């Protein structure tokens, strides 16, 4: 019994015409898209034409075609899923970056508002406040640095908080949200 050599053009054409439609129908059950199904079947036939396979009989060829189409469909589904996951991840990252960008812009603007409000404090009050809350010095360190009493430092800090609380009262919710409790605590407690 002679083997089927699918690389011979007339043999290829005969089996292509015989199985193309049914294989497309078969592939469509996996892929749910007619165009994709046709592409998969065409690819399977092209690989067959360019390959080295010889088949014992038509049943062997038919079994091979169904299996190759099924495997190609499953690969297509897997690749589509991977592509979808990647695109979803890129879109999510882009959205997060855009959200982070927006949050960072707002945070910078709020910070600028705070720094401008601190600049508008009376001179001694502003210096004490900056040393305490911007530079992080303790009351004792500020007192030593400015040659004033610890009690004067406390009074100036309290005065600065009262003035800033009034000046920044519209920003309080945004400050808590964007800058955390650190600034909100010191300005509004």
C-alpha atoms as a PDB file:
ATOM      1  CA  UNK A   1       0.000   0.000   0.000  1.00  0.00           C
ATOM      2  CA  UNK A   2       1.363   3.366  -1.070  1.00  0.00           C
ATOM      3  CA  UNK A   3       1.768   6.139   1.481  1.00  0.00           C
ATOM      4  CA  UNK A   4       0.090   9.509   0.991  1.00  0.00           C
ATOM      5  CA  UNK A   5       2.623  12.193   0.128  1.00  0.00           C
ATOM      6  CA  UNK A   6       0.809  15.470   0.805  1.00  0.00           C
ATOM      7  CA  UNK A   7       3.637  17.521  -0.715  1.00  0.00           C
ATOM      8  CA  UNK A   8       2.527  16.547  -4.216  1.00  0.00           C
ATOM      9  CA  UNK A   9       0.399  19.442  -5.434  1.00  0.00           C
ATOM     10  CA  UNK A  10      -2.500  17.386  -6.821  1.00  0.00           C
ATOM     11  CA  UNK A  11      -2.659  15.294  -3.623  1.00  0.00           C
ATOM     12  CA  UNK A  12      -2.507  18.393  -1.469  1.00  0.00           C
ATOM     13  CA  UNK A  13      -5.269  20.139  -3.502  1.00  0.00           C
ATOM     14  CA  UNK A  14      -7.516  17.096  -3.267  1.00  0.00           C
ATOM     15  CA  UNK A  15      -7.266  16.775   0.525  1.00  0.00           C
ATOM     16  CA  UNK A  16      -7.393  20.539   1.045  1.00  0.00           C
ATOM     17  CA  UNK A  17     -10.721  20.742  -0.835  1.00  0.00           C
ATOM     18  CA  UNK A  18     -12.050  17.707   0.976  1.00  0.00           C
ATOM     19  CA  UNK A  19     -11.177  18.740   4.560  1.00  0.00           C
ATOM     20  CA  UNK A  20     -10.839  22.532   4.603  1.00  0.00           C
ATOM     21  CA  UNK A  21     -14.491  23.410   5.363  1.00  0.00           C
ATOM     22  CA  UNK A  22     -15.027  20.683   7.943  1.00  0.00           C
ATOM     23  CA  UNK A  23     -11.776  21.601   9.715  1.00  0.00           C
ATOM     24  CA  UNK A  24     -12.803  25.274   9.752  1.00  0.00           C
ATOM     25  CA  UNK A  25     -16.108  24.245  11.306  1.00  0.00           C
ATOM     26  CA  UNK A  26     -14.210  22.127  13.844  1.00  0.00           C
ATOM     27  CA  UNK A  27     -11.788  24.968  14.676  1.00  0.00           C
ATOM     28  CA  UNK A  28     -14.622  27.467  15.040  1.00  0.00           C
ATOM     29  CA  UNK A  29     -15.965  25.493  18.006  1.00  0.00           C
ATOM     30  CA  UNK A  30     -12.716  26.247  19.809  1.00  0.00           C
ATOM     31  CA  UNK A  31     -12.030  29.776  18.645  1.00  0.00           C
ATOM     32  CA  UNK A  32     -15.574  31.123  18.184  1.00  0.00           C
ATOM     33  CA  UNK A  33     -14.327  33.297  15.297  1.00  0.00           C
ATOM     34  CA  UNK A  34     -14.628  32.155  11.695  1.00  0.00           C
ATOM     35  CA  UNK A  35     -11.659  34.216  10.473  1.00  0.00           C
ATOM     36  CA  UNK A  36      -9.368  32.871  13.187  1.00  0.00           C
ATOM     37  CA  UNK A  37     -10.552  29.325  12.504  1.00  0.00           C
ATOM     38  CA  UNK A  38      -9.780  29.684   8.794  1.00  0.00           C
ATOM     39  CA  UNK A  39      -6.330  31.084   9.579  1.00  0.00           C
ATOM     40  CA  UNK A  40      -5.554  28.141  11.851  1.00  0.00           C
ATOM     41  CA  UNK A  41      -6.665  25.575   9.266  1.00  0.00           C
ATOM     42  CA  UNK A  42      -4.673  27.290   6.510  1.00  0.00           C
ATOM     43  CA  UNK A  43      -1.594  27.314   8.747  1.00  0.00           C
ATOM     44  CA  UNK A  44      -1.993  23.612   9.459  1.00  0.00           C
ATOM     45  CA  UNK A  45      -2.217  22.834   5.750  1.00  0.00           C
ATOM     46  CA  UNK A  46       0.787  25.054   4.974  1.00  0.00           C
ATOM     47  CA  UNK A  47       2.880  23.288   7.625  1.00  0.00           C
ATOM     48  CA  UNK A  48       1.742  19.979   6.172  1.00  0.00           C
ATOM     49  CA  UNK A  49       2.699  21.068   2.644  1.00  0.00           C
ATOM     50  CA  UNK A  50       6.129  22.243   3.808  1.00  0.00           C
ATOM     51  CA  UNK A  51       6.728  19.345   6.197  1.00  0.00           C
ATOM     52  CA  UNK A  52       8.171  15.887   5.789  1.00  0.00           C
ATOM     53  CA  UNK A  53       5.086  13.911   6.883  1.00  0.00           C
ATOM     54  CA  UNK A  54       3.862  10.924   4.914  1.00  0.00           C
ATOM     55  CA  UNK A  55       0.682   9.162   5.925  1.00  0.00           C
ATOM     56  CA  UNK A  56      -0.208   5.488   5.840  1.00  0.00           C
ATOM     57  CA  UNK A  57      -3.759   6.115   4.682  1.00  0.00           C
ATOM     58  CA  UNK A  58      -6.497   8.747   4.602  1.00  0.00           C
ATOM     59  CA  UNK A  59      -7.648   7.952   8.155  1.00  0.00           C
ATOM     60  CA  UNK A  60      -4.123   8.573   9.392  1.00  0.00           C
ATOM     61  CA  UNK A  61      -4.067  11.921   7.539  1.00  0.00           C
ATOM     62  CA  UNK A  62      -7.533  12.872   8.814  1.00  0.00           C
ATOM     63  CA  UNK A  63      -6.578  12.028  12.394  1.00  0.00           C
ATOM     64  CA  UNK A  64      -3.407  14.109  11.998  1.00  0.00           C
ATOM     65  CA  UNK A  65      -5.377  17.096  10.600  1.00  0.00           C
ATOM     66  CA  UNK A  66      -7.937  17.087  13.413  1.00  0.00           C
ATOM     67  CA  UNK A  67      -5.260  16.803  16.048  1.00  0.00           C
ATOM     68  CA  UNK A  68      -3.094  19.513  14.466  1.00  0.00           C
ATOM     69  CA  UNK A  69      -6.061  21.890  14.145  1.00  0.00           C
ATOM     70  CA  UNK A  70      -7.111  21.232  17.753  1.00  0.00           C
ATOM     71  CA  UNK A  71      -3.590  21.855  19.045  1.00  0.00           C
ATOM     72  CA  UNK A  72      -3.249  25.004  16.963  1.00  0.00           C
ATOM     73  CA  UNK A  73      -6.590  26.259  18.284  1.00  0.00           C
ATOM     74  CA  UNK A  74      -5.519  25.605  21.872  1.00  0.00           C
ATOM     75  CA  UNK A  75      -2.231  27.414  21.235  1.00  0.00           C
ATOM     76  CA  UNK A  76      -4.157  30.305  19.691  1.00  0.00           C
ATOM     77  CA  UNK A  77      -6.433  30.468  22.745  1.00  0.00           C
ATOM     78  CA  UNK A  78      -3.431  30.389  25.059  1.00  0.00           C
ATOM     79  CA  UNK A  79      -1.652  33.137  23.097  1.00  0.00           C
ATOM     80  CA  UNK A  80      -4.807  35.253  23.019  1.00  0.00           C
ATOM     81  CA  UNK A  81      -5.153  34.830  26.776  1.00  0.00           C
ATOM     82  CA  UNK A  82      -1.509  35.735  27.350  1.00  0.00           C
ATOM     83  CA  UNK A  83      -1.835  38.739  25.031  1.00  0.00           C
ATOM     84  CA  UNK A  84      -4.996  39.776  26.850  1.00  0.00           C
ATOM     85  CA  UNK A  85      -3.279  39.431  30.229  1.00  0.00           C
ATOM     86  CA  UNK A  86      -0.311  41.469  29.029  1.00  0.00           C
ATOM     87  CA  UNK A  87      -2.524  44.174  27.545  1.00  0.00           C
ATOM     88  CA  UNK A  88      -4.627  44.202  30.699  1.00  0.00           C
ATOM     89  CA  UNK A  89      -1.509  44.532  32.801  1.00  0.00           C
ATOM     90  CA  UNK A  90      -0.170  47.331  30.602  1.00  0.00           C
ATOM     91  CA  UNK A  91      -3.510  49.109  30.750  1.00  0.00           C
ATOM     92  CA  UNK A  92      -3.669  48.681  34.532  1.00  0.00           C
ATOM     93  CA  UNK A  93      -0.085  49.914  34.910  1.00  0.00           C
ATOM     94  CA  UNK A  94      -0.869  52.869  32.655  1.00  0.00           C
ATOM     95  CA  UNK A  95      -3.970  53.693  34.677  1.00  0.00           C
ATOM     96  CA  UNK A  96      -2.046  53.331  37.937  1.00  0.00           C
ATOM     97  CA  UNK A  97       0.765  55.487  36.573  1.00  0.00           C
ATOM     98  CA  UNK A  98      -1.768  58.079  35.458  1.00  0.00           C
ATOM     99  CA  UNK A  99      -3.416  57.944  38.890  1.00  0.00           C
ATOM    100  CA  UNK A 100      -0.013  58.135  40.568  1.00  0.00           C
ATOM    101  CA  UNK A 101       0.902  61.011  38.292  1.00  0.00           C
ATOM    102  CA  UNK A 102      -2.283  62.830  39.249  1.00  0.00           C
ATOM    103  CA  UNK A 103      -1.813  62.084  42.962  1.00  0.00           C
ATOM    104  CA  UNK A 104       1.819  63.204  42.799  1.00  0.00           C
ATOM    105  CA  UNK A 105       0.869  66.462  41.061  1.00  0.00           C
ATOM    106  CA  UNK A 106      -1.827  67.165  43.643  1.00  0.00           C
ATOM    107  CA  UNK A 107       0.547  66.221  46.462  1.00  0.00           C
ATOM    108  CA  UNK A 108       3.183  68.618  45.100  1.00  0.00           C
ATOM    109  CA  UNK A 109       0.595  71.396  44.766  1.00  0.00           C
ATOM    110  CA  UNK A 110      -0.627  70.863  48.333  1.00  0.00           C
ATOM    111  CA  UNK A 111       2.947  70.824  49.570  1.00  0.00           C
ATOM    112  CA  UNK A 112       3.558  74.098  47.747  1.00  0.00           C
ATOM    113  CA  UNK A 113       0.467  75.598  49.419  1.00  0.00           C
ATOM    114  CA  UNK A 114       1.759  74.492  52.821  1.00  0.00           C
ATOM    115  CA  UNK A 115       5.228  75.900  52.186  1.00  0.00           C
ATOM    116  CA  UNK A 116       3.768  79.210  51.000  1.00  0.00           C
ATOM    117  CA  UNK A 117       1.581  79.366  54.120  1.00  0.00           C
ATOM    118  CA  UNK A 118       4.648  78.692  56.279  1.00  0.00           C
ATOM    119  CA  UNK A 119       6.510  81.505  54.469  1.00  0.00           C
ATOM    120  CA  UNK A 120       3.678  83.893  55.398  1.00  0.00           C
ATOM    121  CA  UNK A 121       4.001  83.158  59.126  1.00  0.00           C
ATOM    122  CA  UNK A 122       5.549  85.877  61.295  1.00  0.00           C
ATOM    123  CA  UNK A 123       9.341  85.562  61.153  1.00  0.00           C
ATOM    124  CA  UNK A 124      10.079  83.990  64.555  1.00  0.00           C
ATOM    125  CA  UNK A 125       6.999  81.797  64.384  1.00  0.00           C
ATOM    126  CA  UNK A 126       7.937  80.570  60.880  1.00  0.00           C
ATOM    127  CA  UNK A 127      11.517  79.759  61.861  1.00  0.00           C
ATOM    128  CA  UNK A 128      10.399  77.716  64.866  1.00  0.00           C
ATOM    129  CA  UNK A 129       7.793  75.886  62.832  1.00  0.00           C
ATOM    130  CA  UNK A 130      10.245  75.016  60.013  1.00  0.00           C
ATOM    131  CA  UNK A 131      12.847  73.766  62.473  1.00  0.00           C
ATOM    132  CA  UNK A 132      10.249  71.639  64.276  1.00  0.00           C
ATOM    133  CA  UNK A 133       8.113  70.222  61.499  1.00  0.00           C
ATOM    134  CA  UNK A 134      10.175  70.515  58.331  1.00  0.00           C
ATOM    135  CA  UNK A 135      13.654  69.838  59.735  1.00  0.00           C
ATOM    136  CA  UNK A 136      12.485  67.634  62.629  1.00  0.00           C
ATOM    137  CA  UNK A 137      14.334  69.251  65.520  1.00  0.00           C
ATOM    138  CA  UNK A 138      13.130  68.784  69.103  1.00  0.00           C
ATOM    139  CA  UNK A 139      11.936  71.708  71.243  1.00  0.00           C
ATOM    140  CA  UNK A 140      15.216  71.667  73.183  1.00  0.00           C
ATOM    141  CA  UNK A 141      17.334  71.687  69.997  1.00  0.00           C
ATOM    142  CA  UNK A 142      15.326  74.596  68.586  1.00  0.00           C
ATOM    143  CA  UNK A 143      15.650  76.514  71.850  1.00  0.00           C
ATOM    144  CA  UNK A 144      19.414  76.028  71.842  1.00  0.00           C
ATOM    145  CA  UNK A 145      19.768  76.889  68.148  1.00  0.00           C
ATOM    146  CA  UNK A 146      17.694  80.097  68.377  1.00  0.00           C
ATOM    147  CA  UNK A 147      18.844  81.041  71.905  1.00  0.00           C
ATOM    148  CA  UNK A 148      15.304  81.120  73.256  1.00  0.00           C
ATOM    149  CA  UNK A 149      13.549  79.209  76.025  1.00  0.00           C
ATOM    150  CA  UNK A 150      11.818  75.858  75.437  1.00  0.00           C
ATOM    151  CA  UNK A 151       8.574  77.528  76.576  1.00  0.00           C
ATOM    152  CA  UNK A 152       8.951  80.186  73.831  1.00  0.00           C
ATOM    153  CA  UNK A 153       9.465  77.394  71.278  1.00  0.00           C
ATOM    154  CA  UNK A 154       6.215  75.745  72.421  1.00  0.00           C
ATOM    155  CA  UNK A 155       4.318  79.043  72.288  1.00  0.00           C
ATOM    156  CA  UNK A 156       5.657  79.838  68.783  1.00  0.00           C
ATOM    157  CA  UNK A 157       4.814  76.332  67.540  1.00  0.00           C
ATOM    158  CA  UNK A 158       1.302  76.617  68.921  1.00  0.00           C
ATOM    159  CA  UNK A 159       0.868  80.075  67.381  1.00  0.00           C
ATOM    160  CA  UNK A 160       2.106  78.750  64.009  1.00  0.00           C
ATOM    161  CA  UNK A 161      -0.338  75.835  64.160  1.00  0.00           C
ATOM    162  CA  UNK A 162      -3.252  78.168  64.895  1.00  0.00           C
ATOM    163  CA  UNK A 163      -2.320  80.494  62.001  1.00  0.00           C
ATOM    164  CA  UNK A 164      -1.727  77.607  59.572  1.00  0.00           C
ATOM    165  CA  UNK A 165      -4.912  75.828  60.647  1.00  0.00           C
ATOM    166  CA  UNK A 166      -6.896  78.913  59.703  1.00  0.00           C
ATOM    167  CA  UNK A 167      -4.994  79.541  56.464  1.00  0.00           C
ATOM    168  CA  UNK A 168      -5.097  75.883  55.303  1.00  0.00           C
ATOM    169  CA  UNK A 169      -8.508  74.808  56.625  1.00  0.00           C
ATOM    170  CA  UNK A 170      -9.806  74.147  53.087  1.00  0.00           C
ATOM    171  CA  UNK A 171      -6.887  71.789  52.413  1.00  0.00           C
ATOM    172  CA  UNK A 172      -7.224  69.661  55.542  1.00  0.00           C
ATOM    173  CA  UNK A 173      -9.050  66.684  53.921  1.00  0.00           C
ATOM    174  CA  UNK A 174      -6.640  66.690  50.987  1.00  0.00           C
ATOM    175  CA  UNK A 175      -3.646  66.952  53.306  1.00  0.00           C
ATOM    176  CA  UNK A 176      -4.773  63.934  55.309  1.00  0.00           C
ATOM    177  CA  UNK A 177      -5.446  61.955  52.160  1.00  0.00           C
ATOM    178  CA  UNK A 178      -2.280  62.813  50.263  1.00  0.00           C
ATOM    179  CA  UNK A 179       0.315  63.707  52.862  1.00  0.00           C
ATOM    180  CA  UNK A 180      -0.822  61.347  55.578  1.00  0.00           C
ATOM    181  CA  UNK A 181      -1.540  61.955  59.200  1.00  0.00           C
ATOM    182  CA  UNK A 182       1.859  63.540  59.874  1.00  0.00           C
ATOM    183  CA  UNK A 183       0.973  66.979  58.524  1.00  0.00           C
ATOM    184  CA  UNK A 184      -2.694  66.773  59.445  1.00  0.00           C
ATOM    185  CA  UNK A 185      -1.816  65.891  63.017  1.00  0.00           C
ATOM    186  CA  UNK A 186       0.571  68.809  63.431  1.00  0.00           C
ATOM    187  CA  UNK A 187      -1.605  71.373  61.690  1.00  0.00           C
ATOM    188  CA  UNK A 188      -4.980  70.428  63.054  1.00  0.00           C
ATOM    189  CA  UNK A 189      -4.461  68.812  66.462  1.00  0.00           C
END
